[in-house]
Protein backbone atom coordinates (compact mmCIF):
# COMPACT_ATOMS: atom_id res chain seq x y z
CA MET A 1 -45.74 175.90 152.22
CA LYS A 2 -46.81 177.64 148.87
CA LEU A 3 -44.22 179.74 148.72
CA SER A 4 -41.32 176.91 149.35
CA THR A 5 -43.14 174.72 146.34
CA LEU A 6 -42.73 178.00 144.41
CA VAL A 7 -39.31 179.14 145.13
CA LEU A 8 -38.31 175.01 144.51
CA PHE A 9 -40.18 175.32 140.84
CA CYS A 10 -38.89 178.88 139.97
CA ALA A 11 -34.99 176.99 141.07
CA SER A 12 -35.51 173.56 139.19
CA SER A 13 -36.95 176.47 136.07
CA LEU A 14 -33.29 178.30 136.43
CA VAL A 15 -31.34 175.18 136.68
CA SER A 16 -33.62 173.45 133.58
CA ALA A 17 -32.89 176.63 131.66
CA SER A 18 -29.14 176.78 132.14
CA ALA A 19 -28.99 172.95 131.83
CA LEU A 20 -30.66 172.79 128.33
CA ALA A 21 -29.47 176.44 126.94
CA GLN A 22 -27.04 176.07 124.08
CA TRP A 23 -24.85 179.29 124.46
CA GLN A 24 -23.49 180.84 127.72
CA TRP A 25 -21.95 184.20 127.51
CA LEU A 26 -21.17 187.34 129.32
CA ASP A 27 -23.43 190.69 129.00
CA ALA A 28 -21.59 194.29 128.48
CA GLN A 29 -22.89 194.22 132.89
CA GLY A 30 -20.81 190.85 133.40
CA ARG A 31 -24.00 188.85 133.71
CA LYS A 32 -24.13 185.53 132.86
CA VAL A 33 -26.58 184.82 129.44
CA TYR A 34 -28.00 181.62 128.57
CA SER A 35 -29.77 181.13 125.75
CA ASP A 36 -30.61 178.99 122.60
CA LEU A 37 -29.87 181.31 120.78
CA PRO A 38 -26.38 182.80 119.69
CA PRO A 39 -25.38 186.06 121.11
CA SER A 40 -24.91 189.46 119.03
CA ASN A 41 -22.51 190.24 116.77
CA GLN A 42 -21.58 192.76 119.33
CA VAL A 43 -20.40 189.88 122.44
CA PRO A 44 -16.85 189.67 121.86
CA ALA A 45 -15.57 186.02 121.01
CA ASP A 46 -13.34 186.25 124.33
CA ARG A 47 -16.59 186.42 126.71
CA ILE A 48 -18.55 183.59 125.02
CA LEU A 49 -18.33 180.54 127.81
CA GLN A 50 -20.49 177.92 125.83
CA ARG A 51 -21.32 177.03 122.76
CA PRO A 52 -23.61 174.28 121.24
CA GLY A 53 -21.78 170.86 121.54
CA THR A 54 -18.77 172.15 124.02
CA ALA A 55 -18.39 172.14 127.64
CA ARG A 56 -18.52 175.50 129.54
CA ASN A 57 -14.81 175.14 129.83
CA PRO A 58 -13.45 173.74 127.05
CA VAL A 59 -9.83 172.41 126.86
CA THR A 60 -8.43 173.35 124.12
CA ALA A 61 -7.39 169.88 122.46
CA ALA A 62 -3.73 170.24 121.45
CA PRO A 63 -3.49 170.28 117.38
CA SER A 64 -3.58 166.37 116.05
CA SER A 65 0.05 165.23 114.47
CA PRO A 66 -0.62 163.83 111.11
CA SER A 67 -1.36 160.52 110.80
CA GLN A 68 1.83 158.20 111.66
CA PRO A 69 2.27 155.06 108.91
CA ALA A 70 2.14 151.80 110.50
CA GLN A 71 5.65 151.11 111.74
CA GLN A 72 7.58 149.31 109.67
CA PRO A 73 10.30 146.84 111.20
CA ASP A 74 13.95 147.42 110.11
CA GLY A 75 16.51 145.69 108.36
CA ARG A 76 16.68 143.62 111.62
CA GLY A 77 13.08 142.80 111.73
CA VAL A 78 12.88 140.76 108.37
CA ASP A 79 11.95 137.24 108.65
CA ARG A 80 14.55 135.61 110.25
CA ASP A 81 13.24 131.85 109.63
CA LEU A 82 13.44 132.71 105.93
CA GLN A 83 17.09 134.14 106.81
CA ALA A 84 17.81 130.74 108.26
CA ARG A 85 16.49 128.62 105.61
CA LYS A 86 18.71 130.36 103.33
CA ALA A 87 21.74 130.39 105.08
CA ALA A 88 21.20 126.63 105.93
CA GLU A 89 20.25 125.78 101.82
CA GLU A 90 23.52 127.99 101.47
CA ALA A 91 25.81 125.79 103.56
CA GLU A 92 24.32 122.71 102.29
CA GLN A 93 25.26 123.53 98.68
CA ALA A 94 28.41 125.01 99.89
CA ARG A 95 29.40 121.07 101.44
CA ARG A 96 27.87 118.91 98.52
CA GLU A 97 30.24 120.97 95.84
CA GLN A 98 33.41 120.60 98.50
CA ALA A 99 32.60 117.04 98.70
CA GLN A 100 32.38 116.75 94.81
CA ALA A 101 35.16 118.66 94.44
CA HIS A 102 37.52 116.13 96.68
CA GLU A 103 35.67 113.21 94.60
CA GLN A 104 37.16 114.90 91.61
CA ASP A 105 40.57 115.15 92.59
CA LYS A 106 40.53 111.48 94.13
CA ARG A 107 39.97 110.19 90.86
CA GLN A 108 42.44 112.99 89.21
CA ALA A 109 45.24 111.53 91.11
CA LEU A 110 44.15 108.06 90.38
CA LEU A 111 44.17 108.47 86.98
CA ARG A 112 47.33 110.26 87.18
CA GLN A 113 49.22 107.51 89.25
CA ASP A 114 48.30 104.84 86.73
CA ASN A 115 49.20 107.20 83.35
CA CYS A 116 52.51 107.49 85.54
CA ALA A 117 53.17 103.86 85.81
CA ARG A 118 52.59 102.95 82.21
CA ALA A 119 54.25 105.93 80.74
CA ARG A 120 57.71 104.93 83.01
CA ALA A 121 57.27 101.67 81.62
CA ALA A 122 56.90 102.62 77.95
CA LEU A 123 59.66 104.76 78.22
CA ALA A 124 61.89 102.19 80.24
CA ALA A 125 61.05 100.28 76.98
CA LEU A 126 61.98 102.53 74.39
CA ALA A 127 64.66 103.73 75.90
CA ASP A 128 66.83 100.49 76.85
CA GLY A 129 67.03 99.35 72.43
CA GLN A 130 64.87 96.78 72.97
CA LEU A 131 62.40 95.64 70.04
CA VAL A 132 59.16 97.48 70.38
CA ALA A 133 56.25 96.17 68.51
CA HIS A 134 52.80 97.37 67.49
CA THR A 135 50.11 96.03 65.49
CA ASN A 136 49.41 97.60 62.21
CA ALA A 137 45.93 98.65 60.55
CA LEU A 138 46.29 94.97 58.92
CA GLY A 139 46.72 93.43 62.10
CA GLU A 140 50.30 92.63 61.56
CA ARG A 141 53.01 92.24 64.53
CA VAL A 142 55.81 95.23 63.32
CA TYR A 143 58.85 97.01 65.14
CA MET A 144 59.43 100.75 65.46
CA ASP A 145 61.93 102.20 63.05
CA ASP A 146 64.65 104.62 64.90
CA GLN A 147 62.17 107.49 64.27
CA ARG A 148 59.25 106.19 65.44
CA ARG A 149 60.63 105.29 68.60
CA ALA A 150 62.16 108.85 68.76
CA GLN A 151 58.82 109.91 68.75
CA GLU A 152 57.39 107.90 70.90
CA ARG A 153 60.02 108.36 73.34
CA GLN A 154 59.53 111.72 73.34
CA ARG A 155 56.10 111.80 74.40
CA ALA A 156 56.18 109.21 77.09
CA GLN A 157 58.39 111.99 78.17
CA GLY A 158 55.62 114.22 77.94
CA MET A 159 53.28 111.93 79.93
CA VAL A 160 55.84 111.14 82.92
CA ALA A 161 56.32 115.06 83.11
CA SER A 162 52.79 115.69 83.52
CA ASP A 163 51.59 112.72 85.40
CA CYS A 164 54.18 111.91 87.47
CA GLY A 165 54.93 115.47 88.93
CA PRO A 166 53.24 117.07 91.46
CA ALA A 167 49.62 117.54 90.86
CA PRO A 168 48.40 120.43 88.93
CA ALA A 169 46.25 123.80 90.62
CA THR A 170 42.61 121.90 91.66
CA GLN A 171 40.48 123.91 88.59
CA PRO A 172 36.66 123.82 87.43
CA ALA A 173 35.94 120.43 86.21
CA THR A 174 36.17 120.81 82.67
CA ALA A 175 36.37 118.46 79.30
CA GLN A 176 40.00 117.46 78.64
CA PRO A 177 41.43 116.37 75.79
CA ALA A 178 43.50 112.79 76.06
CA PRO A 179 46.58 113.19 76.86
CA ALA A 180 48.77 111.02 73.56
CA GLN A 181 49.92 107.69 74.97
CA PRO A 182 52.62 105.93 73.66
CA ALA A 183 52.40 103.24 70.70
CA ALA A 184 54.29 101.14 72.98
CA LEU A 185 51.60 100.82 75.09
CA GLN A 186 48.40 101.00 72.78
CA PRO A 187 47.76 99.78 69.32
CA SER A 188 48.54 101.64 66.95
CA ALA A 189 47.44 102.16 63.31
CA VAL A 190 50.57 103.67 61.65
CA ASN A 191 51.73 101.58 58.77
CA PRO A 192 55.74 101.28 58.95
CA PRO A 193 58.14 101.08 56.05
CA ALA A 194 57.43 98.18 54.22
CA ALA A 195 60.67 96.17 55.23
CA SER A 196 59.65 96.49 58.95
CA ARG A 197 56.21 95.08 58.28
CA ARG A 198 57.44 91.86 59.45
CA ASP A 199 58.31 90.34 62.83
CA PRO A 200 62.16 89.75 61.94
CA THR A 201 62.79 87.29 64.97
CA PRO A 202 63.01 84.21 63.93
CA PRO A 203 61.42 81.34 65.44
CA GLY A 204 62.90 79.73 68.04
CA ALA A 205 65.22 82.93 68.72
CA SER A 206 65.69 84.09 72.00
CA GLY A 207 62.47 86.77 72.62
CA ALA A 208 60.84 85.22 70.12
CA GLY A 209 57.07 84.38 70.82
CA LEU A 210 57.52 86.77 74.02
CA PRO A 211 55.11 89.51 74.91
CA ARG A 212 56.34 92.38 74.02
CA PRO A 213 54.80 96.18 74.74
CA GLY A 214 52.21 97.33 72.30
CA ARG A 215 50.57 93.91 71.73
CA PRO A 216 46.91 93.82 71.36
CA ASP A 217 46.65 91.79 74.48
CA GLU A 218 48.18 94.70 76.98
CA PRO A 219 45.50 97.43 78.35
CA ALA A 220 45.62 100.84 76.31
CA VAL A 221 46.57 104.15 78.60
CA PRO A 222 43.53 105.34 80.39
CA THR A 223 42.70 108.63 79.69
CA VAL A 224 41.80 111.29 81.79
CA GLN A 225 38.25 113.33 81.42
């Protein structure tokens, strides 16, 4: 009984010693040596089986790769919601601009149509030789002489050419100068020669008292803004 107890005690002591030993190596005879102290310098490194803090058969750890930065999303991973909102805003802006351009074209077409009708009427009145009257700065109704009629006829022809032909190419909306209007359709402030200041049509004569182009009660030619 005592012998078995002694054997068990020795075995447990050896196990405890080997478990507590921090160094393990092979000596010159190939025997394992356990110790909490490092071996002498004569023991080669390849015969050291265990070091403090390492397993008995340590597995060489693969060299750690350099730390990689956090994966960055590629261009396709950018906030898709933001891109969708931006695309929707751009589409809405384009739609508004197109609607504004359409309304501007409609207004321009109506103004050109009205200007064309007025210019044609003025040109007809100036071309058939009938007397054309206008009001001077003194408020008197006077008739145009031949020189003034020629000037107004040329101006009316220019308006017919610009407003009665095909619509010009669409351009960015800008302030445009008002077209010159024939005096046959608007009051004039130009004083004619003294000989033509008074209405030569005698009372009761044919055409007397009839409204003629250029009377103050006739609308002026609208201008394109």
